[in-house]
């Protein structure tokens, strides 16, 4: 899994779209952990990067 990957999962019979937000290794256990965000398909929008850059200055967000 890579940051930005989208996939569909079923939880208790409900279909949900999930995005990988980040991946890290837990210090104490050494276990790989994935940070996920659940996405509502009705609220999903696609914005060209050039438009996103004009909406935010680089000092306001970090990738």
PDB file of N, CA and C in Angstrom:
ATOM      1  N   UNK A   1       0.835  -1.180   0.000  1.00  0.00           N
ATOM      2  CA  UNK A   1       0.000   0.000   0.000  1.00  0.00           C
ATOM      3  C   UNK A   1       0.881   1.245   0.000  1.00  0.00           C
ATOM      4  N   UNK A   2       0.470   2.198  -0.800  1.00  0.00           N
ATOM      5  CA  UNK A   2       1.183   3.462  -0.885  1.00  0.00           C
ATOM      6  C   UNK A   2       0.250   4.611  -0.523  1.00  0.00           C
ATOM      7  N   UNK A   3       0.820   5.703  -0.059  1.00  0.00           N
ATOM      8  CA  UNK A   3       0.033   6.885   0.279  1.00  0.00           C
ATOM      9  C   UNK A   3      -0.749   7.327  -0.950  1.00  0.00           C
ATOM     10  N   UNK A   4      -2.046   7.555  -0.759  1.00  0.00           N
ATOM     11  CA  UNK A   4      -2.906   7.992  -1.852  1.00  0.00           C
ATOM     12  C   UNK A   4      -3.685   6.871  -2.506  1.00  0.00           C
ATOM     13  N   UNK A   5      -3.353   5.614  -2.211  1.00  0.00           N
ATOM     14  CA  UNK A   5      -4.100   4.493  -2.788  1.00  0.00           C
ATOM     15  C   UNK A   5      -5.544   4.519  -2.308  1.00  0.00           C
ATOM     16  N   UNK A   6      -6.483   4.270  -3.217  1.00  0.00           N
ATOM     17  CA  UNK A   6      -7.899   4.173  -2.896  1.00  0.00           C
ATOM     18  C   UNK A   6      -8.338   2.732  -3.093  1.00  0.00           C
ATOM     19  N   UNK A   7      -9.166   2.231  -2.180  1.00  0.00           N
ATOM     20  CA  UNK A   7      -9.723   0.904  -2.355  1.00  0.00           C
ATOM     21  C   UNK A   7     -11.050   0.806  -1.625  1.00  0.00           C
ATOM     22  N   UNK A   8     -11.813  -0.237  -1.945  1.00  0.00           N
ATOM     23  CA  UNK A   8     -13.125  -0.446  -1.359  1.00  0.00           C
ATOM     24  C   UNK A   8     -13.052  -1.591  -0.363  1.00  0.00           C
ATOM     25  N   UNK A   9     -13.665  -1.401   0.790  1.00  0.00           N
ATOM     26  CA  UNK A   9     -13.740  -2.451   1.804  1.00  0.00           C
ATOM     27  C   UNK A   9     -15.201  -2.615   2.211  1.00  0.00           C
ATOM     28  N   UNK A  10     -15.507  -3.783   2.747  1.00  0.00           N
ATOM     29  CA  UNK A  10     -16.838  -4.049   3.273  1.00  0.00           C
ATOM     30  C   UNK A  10     -16.719  -4.269   4.769  1.00  0.00           C
ATOM     31  N   UNK A  11     -17.435  -3.469   5.545  1.00  0.00           N
ATOM     32  CA  UNK A  11     -17.438  -3.585   6.986  1.00  0.00           C
ATOM     33  C   UNK A  11     -18.878  -3.779   7.433  1.00  0.00           C
ATOM     34  N   UNK A  12     -19.159  -4.926   8.010  1.00  0.00           N
ATOM     35  CA  UNK A  12     -20.529  -5.279   8.413  1.00  0.00           C
ATOM     36  C   UNK A  12     -21.496  -5.168   7.240  1.00  0.00           C
ATOM     37  N   UNK A  13     -21.041  -5.571   6.057  1.00  0.00           N
ATOM     38  CA  UNK A  13     -21.886  -5.569   4.875  1.00  0.00           C
ATOM     39  C   UNK A  13     -22.059  -4.218   4.209  1.00  0.00           C
ATOM     40  N   UNK A  14     -21.392  -3.195   4.718  1.00  0.00           N
ATOM     41  CA  UNK A  14     -21.492  -1.850   4.146  1.00  0.00           C
ATOM     42  C   UNK A  14     -20.230  -1.560   3.344  1.00  0.00           C
ATOM     43  N   UNK A  15     -20.415  -1.144   2.085  1.00  0.00           N
ATOM     44  CA  UNK A  15     -19.287  -0.825   1.221  1.00  0.00           C
ATOM     45  C   UNK A  15     -18.769   0.573   1.542  1.00  0.00           C
ATOM     46  N   UNK A  16     -17.437   0.698   1.751  1.00  0.00           N
ATOM     47  CA  UNK A  16     -16.829   1.992   2.044  1.00  0.00           C
ATOM     48  C   UNK A  16     -15.581   2.170   1.187  1.00  0.00           C
ATOM     49  N   UNK A  17     -15.358   3.394   0.736  1.00  0.00           N
ATOM     50  CA  UNK A  17     -14.133   3.727   0.020  1.00  0.00           C
ATOM     51  C   UNK A  17     -13.132   4.242   1.046  1.00  0.00           C
ATOM     52  N   UNK A  18     -11.898   3.765   0.952  1.00  0.00           N
ATOM     53  CA  UNK A  18     -10.852   4.106   1.914  1.00  0.00           C
ATOM     54  C   UNK A  18      -9.622   4.602   1.157  1.00  0.00           C
ATOM     55  N   UNK A  19      -8.942   5.585   1.729  1.00  0.00           N
ATOM     56  CA  UNK A  19      -7.707   6.129   1.157  1.00  0.00           C
ATOM     57  C   UNK A  19      -6.579   5.951   2.165  1.00  0.00           C
ATOM     58  N   UNK A  20      -5.409   5.541   1.677  1.00  0.00           N
ATOM     59  CA  UNK A  20      -4.231   5.423   2.530  1.00  0.00           C
ATOM     60  C   UNK A  20      -3.654   6.821   2.722  1.00  0.00           C
ATOM     61  N   UNK A  21      -3.641   7.276   3.975  1.00  0.00           N
ATOM     62  CA  UNK A  21      -3.140   8.607   4.303  1.00  0.00           C
ATOM     63  C   UNK A  21      -1.647   8.553   4.637  1.00  0.00           C
ATOM     64  N   UNK A  22      -1.224   7.467   5.259  1.00  0.00           N
ATOM     65  CA  UNK A  22       0.181   7.335   5.621  1.00  0.00           C
ATOM     66  C   UNK A  22       0.498   5.936   6.100  1.00  0.00           C
ATOM     67  N   UNK A  23       1.774   5.644   6.180  1.00  0.00           N
ATOM     68  CA  UNK A  23       2.260   4.345   6.656  1.00  0.00           C
ATOM     69  C   UNK A  23       3.456   4.618   7.562  1.00  0.00           C
ATOM     70  N   UNK A  24       3.497   3.938   8.698  1.00  0.00           N
ATOM     71  CA  UNK A  24       4.644   4.101   9.580  1.00  0.00           C
ATOM     72  C   UNK A  24       4.891   2.811  10.342  1.00  0.00           C
ATOM     73  N   UNK A  25       6.048   2.724  10.957  1.00  0.00           N
ATOM     74  CA  UNK A  25       6.412   1.558  11.765  1.00  0.00           C
ATOM     75  C   UNK A  25       6.309   1.941  13.231  1.00  0.00           C
ATOM     76  N   UNK A  26       5.523   1.181  13.981  1.00  0.00           N
ATOM     77  CA  UNK A  26       5.350   1.413  15.416  1.00  0.00           C
ATOM     78  C   UNK A  26       6.677   1.145  16.112  1.00  0.00           C
ATOM     79  N   UNK A  27       7.143   2.113  16.888  1.00  0.00           N
ATOM     80  CA  UNK A  27       8.456   2.010  17.537  1.00  0.00           C
ATOM     81  C   UNK A  27       8.556   0.836  18.506  1.00  0.00           C
ATOM     82  N   UNK A  28       7.575   0.683  19.366  1.00  0.00           N
ATOM     83  CA  UNK A  28       7.671  -0.342  20.407  1.00  0.00           C
ATOM     84  C   UNK A  28       7.518  -1.758  19.871  1.00  0.00           C
ATOM     85  N   UNK A  29       6.543  -1.969  18.984  1.00  0.00           N
ATOM     86  CA  UNK A  29       6.269  -3.328  18.509  1.00  0.00           C
ATOM     87  C   UNK A  29       6.988  -3.659  17.203  1.00  0.00           C
ATOM     88  N   UNK A  30       7.406  -2.640  16.451  1.00  0.00           N
ATOM     89  CA  UNK A  30       8.027  -2.868  15.146  1.00  0.00           C
ATOM     90  C   UNK A  30       7.004  -3.199  14.065  1.00  0.00           C
ATOM     91  N   UNK A  31       5.723  -3.115  14.416  1.00  0.00           N
ATOM     92  CA  UNK A  31       4.644  -3.442  13.488  1.00  0.00           C
ATOM     93  C   UNK A  31       4.408  -2.291  12.514  1.00  0.00           C
ATOM     94  N   UNK A  32       4.178  -2.626  11.214  1.00  0.00           N
ATOM     95  CA  UNK A  32       3.819  -1.615  10.224  1.00  0.00           C
ATOM     96  C   UNK A  32       2.356  -1.236  10.428  1.00  0.00           C
ATOM     97  N   UNK A  33       2.064   0.073  10.423  1.00  0.00           N
ATOM     98  CA  UNK A  33       0.721   0.579  10.666  1.00  0.00           C
ATOM     99  C   UNK A  33       0.319   1.458   9.485  1.00  0.00           C
ATOM    100  N   UNK A  34      -0.930   1.319   9.045  1.00  0.00           N
ATOM    101  CA  UNK A  34      -1.462   2.116   7.944  1.00  0.00           C
ATOM    102  C   UNK A  34      -2.515   3.063   8.507  1.00  0.00           C
ATOM    103  N   UNK A  35      -2.412   4.340   8.158  1.00  0.00           N
ATOM    104  CA  UNK A  35      -3.404   5.339   8.552  1.00  0.00           C
ATOM    105  C   UNK A  35      -4.374   5.477   7.374  1.00  0.00           C
ATOM    106  N   UNK A  36      -5.668   5.243   7.652  1.00  0.00           N
ATOM    107  CA  UNK A  36      -6.684   5.247   6.600  1.00  0.00           C
ATOM    108  C   UNK A  36      -7.687   6.368   6.821  1.00  0.00           C
ATOM    109  N   UNK A  37      -8.280   6.838   5.734  1.00  0.00           N
ATOM    110  CA  UNK A  37      -9.374   7.805   5.797  1.00  0.00           C
ATOM    111  C   UNK A  37     -10.547   7.214   5.028  1.00  0.00           C
ATOM    112  N   UNK A  38     -11.718   7.223   5.623  1.00  0.00           N
ATOM    113  CA  UNK A  38     -12.930   6.768   4.946  1.00  0.00           C
ATOM    114  C   UNK A  38     -13.462   7.935   4.122  1.00  0.00           C
ATOM    115  N   UNK A  39     -13.786   7.654   2.857  1.00  0.00           N
ATOM    116  CA  UNK A  39     -14.214   8.702   1.930  1.00  0.00           C
ATOM    117  C   UNK A  39     -15.664   8.469   1.542  1.00  0.00           C
ATOM    118  N   UNK A  40     -16.460   9.511   1.636  1.00  0.00           N
ATOM    119  CA  UNK A  40     -17.841   9.464   1.177  1.00  0.00           C
ATOM    120  C   UNK A  40     -17.822   9.748  -0.321  1.00  0.00           C
ATOM    121  N   UNK A  41     -18.228   8.776  -1.126  1.00  0.00           N
ATOM    122  CA  UNK A  41     -18.170   8.938  -2.585  1.00  0.00           C
ATOM    123  C   UNK A  41     -18.961  10.145  -3.064  1.00  0.00           C
ATOM    124  N   UNK A  42     -20.025  10.508  -2.359  1.00  0.00           N
ATOM    125  CA  UNK A  42     -20.833  11.656  -2.761  1.00  0.00           C
ATOM    126  C   UNK A  42     -20.088  12.969  -2.570  1.00  0.00           C
ATOM    127  N   UNK A  43     -19.078  12.984  -1.688  1.00  0.00           N
ATOM    128  CA  UNK A  43     -18.318  14.199  -1.423  1.00  0.00           C
ATOM    129  C   UNK A  43     -16.943  14.200  -2.079  1.00  0.00           C
ATOM    130  N   UNK A  44     -16.622  13.176  -2.855  1.00  0.00           N
ATOM    131  CA  UNK A  44     -15.316  13.067  -3.493  1.00  0.00           C
ATOM    132  C   UNK A  44     -15.243  14.010  -4.688  1.00  0.00           C
ATOM    133  N   UNK A  45     -14.215  14.855  -4.715  1.00  0.00           N
ATOM    134  CA  UNK A  45     -14.004  15.756  -5.844  1.00  0.00           C
ATOM    135  C   UNK A  45     -12.575  15.580  -6.353  1.00  0.00           C
ATOM    136  N   UNK A  46     -12.364  15.929  -7.592  1.00  0.00           N
ATOM    137  CA  UNK A  46     -11.038  15.867  -8.199  1.00  0.00           C
ATOM    138  C   UNK A  46     -10.642  17.293  -8.582  1.00  0.00           C
ATOM    139  N   UNK A  47      -9.498  17.745  -8.065  1.00  0.00           N
ATOM    140  CA  UNK A  47      -9.029  19.105  -8.308  1.00  0.00           C
ATOM    141  C   UNK A  47      -7.651  19.022  -8.950  1.00  0.00           C
ATOM    142  N   UNK A  48      -7.457  19.674 -10.103  1.00  0.00           N
ATOM    143  CA  UNK A  48      -6.124  19.701 -10.701  1.00  0.00           C
ATOM    144  C   UNK A  48      -5.115  20.303  -9.726  1.00  0.00           C
ATOM    145  N   UNK A  49      -3.915  19.760  -9.692  1.00  0.00           N
ATOM    146  CA  UNK A  49      -2.885  20.211  -8.765  1.00  0.00           C
ATOM    147  C   UNK A  49      -2.598  21.701  -8.918  1.00  0.00           C
ATOM    148  N   UNK A  50      -2.611  22.202 -10.142  1.00  0.00           N
ATOM    149  CA  UNK A  50      -2.346  23.624 -10.368  1.00  0.00           C
ATOM    150  C   UNK A  50      -3.382  24.492  -9.653  1.00  0.00           C
ATOM    151  N   UNK A  51      -4.629  24.067  -9.645  1.00  0.00           N
ATOM    152  CA  UNK A  51      -5.668  24.827  -8.954  1.00  0.00           C
ATOM    153  C   UNK A  51      -5.503  24.716  -7.438  1.00  0.00           C
ATOM    154  N   UNK A  52      -5.094  23.564  -6.959  1.00  0.00           N
ATOM    155  CA  UNK A  52      -4.894  23.366  -5.530  1.00  0.00           C
ATOM    156  C   UNK A  52      -3.748  24.242  -5.031  1.00  0.00           C
ATOM    157  N   UNK A  53      -2.683  24.323  -5.812  1.00  0.00           N
ATOM    158  CA  UNK A  53      -1.540  25.154  -5.430  1.00  0.00           C
ATOM    159  C   UNK A  53      -1.909  26.629  -5.355  1.00  0.00           C
ATOM    160  N   UNK A  54      -2.820  27.082  -6.197  1.00  0.00           N
ATOM    161  CA  UNK A  54      -3.207  28.491  -6.152  1.00  0.00           C
ATOM    162  C   UNK A  54      -4.138  28.775  -4.975  1.00  0.00           C
ATOM    163  N   UNK A  55      -4.816  27.753  -4.461  1.00  0.00           N
ATOM    164  CA  UNK A  55      -5.733  27.940  -3.342  1.00  0.00           C
ATOM    165  C   UNK A  55      -5.007  27.978  -2.005  1.00  0.00           C
ATOM    166  N   UNK A  56      -3.854  27.310  -1.913  1.00  0.00           N
ATOM    167  CA  UNK A  56      -3.103  27.233  -0.671  1.00  0.00           C
ATOM    168  C   UNK A  56      -1.666  27.636  -0.915  1.00  0.00           C
ATOM    169  N   UNK A  57      -1.093  28.374   0.006  1.00  0.00           N
ATOM    170  CA  UNK A  57       0.342  28.650  -0.087  1.00  0.00           C
ATOM    171  C   UNK A  57       1.079  27.452   0.495  1.00  0.00           C
ATOM    172  N   UNK A  58       2.324  27.259   0.109  1.00  0.00           N
ATOM    173  CA  UNK A  58       3.073  26.094   0.554  1.00  0.00           C
ATOM    174  C   UNK A  58       3.340  26.119   2.050  1.00  0.00           C
ATOM    175  N   UNK A  59       3.209  27.253   2.695  1.00  0.00           N
ATOM    176  CA  UNK A  59       3.452  27.329   4.132  1.00  0.00           C
ATOM    177  C   UNK A  59       2.254  26.862   4.947  1.00  0.00           C
ATOM    178  N   UNK A  60       1.101  26.642   4.325  1.00  0.00           N
ATOM    179  CA  UNK A  60      -0.105  26.281   5.046  1.00  0.00           C
ATOM    180  C   UNK A  60      -0.332  24.777   5.116  1.00  0.00           C
ATOM    181  N   UNK A  61       0.326  24.001   4.304  1.00  0.00           N
ATOM    182  CA  UNK A  61       0.128  22.567   4.349  1.00  0.00           C
ATOM    183  C   UNK A  61       1.435  21.837   4.095  1.00  0.00           C
ATOM    184  N   UNK A  62       1.490  20.603   4.560  1.00  0.00           N
ATOM    185  CA  UNK A  62       2.692  19.794   4.411  1.00  0.00           C
ATOM    186  C   UNK A  62       2.302  18.461   3.807  1.00  0.00           C
ATOM    187  N   UNK A  63       3.045  17.979   2.861  1.00  0.00           N
ATOM    188  CA  UNK A  63       2.766  16.674   2.260  1.00  0.00           C
ATOM    189  C   UNK A  63       3.573  15.634   2.982  1.00  0.00           C
TER     190      UNK A  63
END
